[in-house]
Amino acid sequence: MHIPEQASHAKNFPVGTEASAGEDEARKIRRLQIMMSMVMSVIGQDSNLTVEEASELAAGAKRAALAMFPDKELAFDLLYRPRLQRLIHERFRLQ
């Protein structure tokens, strides 16, 4: 029987609400990274997207990010805002 082996593996997995705050934070950060990657992909690749729609996507991404991390507007403005602006400017050849 492999009962002791199974018991030792059970220690490595959080059960229910026992996940630590650090794990929750890491999960939210990863979710934000995936969301921003998707938004940037759509802005960069959707040939039917208008500049207004791209701006709305960027604004929606900021709202979603601030909903996940309410006190991190400055971090968003430093990390993601320049990337989104540069992508929109390059994509739509804005000055």
Protein backbone atom coordinates (compact mmCIF):
# COMPACT_ATOMS: atom_id res chain seq x y z
CA MET A 1 0.00 0.00 0.00
CA HIS A 2 1.09 3.54 -0.73
CA ILE A 3 -0.89 5.30 1.95
CA PRO A 4 2.08 7.08 3.59
CA GLU A 5 3.20 8.33 0.18
CA GLN A 6 -0.25 9.67 -0.59
CA ALA A 7 -0.45 11.36 2.78
CA SER A 8 2.83 13.13 2.19
CA HIS A 9 1.60 14.46 -1.17
CA ALA A 10 -1.58 15.80 0.43
CA LYS A 11 0.49 18.27 2.48
CA ASN A 12 1.62 20.04 -0.70
CA PHE A 13 -1.89 21.02 -1.82
CA PRO A 14 -3.92 23.71 -0.07
CA VAL A 15 -7.39 22.60 0.96
CA GLY A 16 -10.38 24.89 0.67
CA THR A 17 -9.78 28.30 2.18
CA GLU A 18 -6.35 27.45 3.54
CA ALA A 19 -4.59 29.08 0.59
CA SER A 20 -2.23 31.76 1.86
CA ALA A 21 -2.51 35.43 1.04
CA GLY A 22 0.69 35.15 -1.00
CA GLU A 23 -0.80 32.45 -3.19
CA ASP A 24 -3.92 34.54 -3.72
CA GLU A 25 -1.79 37.56 -4.63
CA ALA A 26 0.26 35.49 -7.08
CA ARG A 27 -2.92 34.14 -8.67
CA LYS A 28 -4.30 37.68 -9.13
CA ILE A 29 -1.02 38.90 -10.60
CA ARG A 30 -0.98 36.01 -13.07
CA ARG A 31 -4.61 36.72 -14.00
CA LEU A 32 -3.70 40.38 -14.61
CA GLN A 33 -0.73 39.40 -16.78
CA ILE A 34 -2.89 37.08 -18.89
CA MET A 35 -5.61 39.72 -19.25
CA MET A 36 -3.12 42.39 -20.32
CA SER A 37 -1.52 39.99 -22.78
CA MET A 38 -4.91 39.25 -24.33
CA VAL A 39 -5.84 42.95 -24.55
CA MET A 40 -2.53 43.77 -26.19
CA SER A 41 -2.93 40.89 -28.64
CA VAL A 42 -6.40 42.06 -29.67
CA ILE A 43 -5.22 45.65 -30.11
CA GLY A 44 -2.22 44.55 -32.13
CA GLN A 45 -3.88 41.95 -34.32
CA ASP A 46 -7.59 42.73 -34.86
CA SER A 47 -7.72 44.38 -38.28
CA ASN A 48 -11.33 45.54 -37.77
CA LEU A 49 -10.59 47.35 -34.51
CA THR A 50 -10.91 51.14 -34.53
CA VAL A 51 -8.76 53.48 -32.48
CA GLU A 52 -11.78 54.28 -30.30
CA GLU A 53 -12.39 50.59 -29.62
CA ALA A 54 -8.71 50.09 -28.81
CA SER A 55 -8.88 52.98 -26.36
CA GLU A 56 -11.98 51.47 -24.76
CA LEU A 57 -10.19 48.13 -24.41
CA ALA A 58 -7.29 49.86 -22.70
CA ALA A 59 -9.64 51.75 -20.38
CA GLY A 60 -11.52 48.55 -19.57
CA ALA A 61 -8.27 46.77 -18.81
CA LYS A 62 -7.33 49.54 -16.39
CA ARG A 63 -10.72 49.33 -14.66
CA ALA A 64 -10.37 45.56 -14.33
CA ALA A 65 -6.81 45.87 -13.00
CA LEU A 66 -7.91 48.44 -10.42
CA ALA A 67 -10.79 46.20 -9.39
CA MET A 68 -8.24 43.45 -8.63
CA PHE A 69 -5.66 45.83 -7.11
CA PRO A 70 -7.52 48.94 -5.86
CA ASP A 71 -4.51 50.86 -4.53
CA LYS A 72 -2.18 50.20 -7.46
CA GLU A 73 -3.16 52.83 -10.01
CA LEU A 74 0.35 54.29 -10.04
CA ALA A 75 1.83 50.84 -10.70
CA PHE A 76 -0.59 50.32 -13.60
CA ASP A 77 0.25 53.76 -15.01
CA LEU A 78 3.97 53.00 -14.81
CA LEU A 79 3.88 49.42 -16.13
CA TYR A 80 0.99 48.98 -18.53
CA ARG A 81 -0.17 52.43 -19.65
CA PRO A 82 3.00 53.18 -21.66
CA ARG A 83 2.85 49.76 -23.34
CA LEU A 84 -0.79 50.21 -24.30
CA GLN A 85 -0.19 53.75 -25.56
CA ARG A 86 2.83 52.71 -27.61
CA LEU A 87 0.92 49.78 -29.10
CA ILE A 88 -2.07 51.96 -30.03
CA HIS A 89 0.20 54.63 -31.52
CA GLU A 90 2.11 52.07 -33.58
CA ARG A 91 -0.97 50.12 -34.63
CA PHE A 92 -2.92 53.18 -35.81
CA ARG A 93 0.13 55.25 -36.84
CA LEU A 94 -0.74 58.12 -34.51
CA GLN A 95 1.62 61.00 -33.84
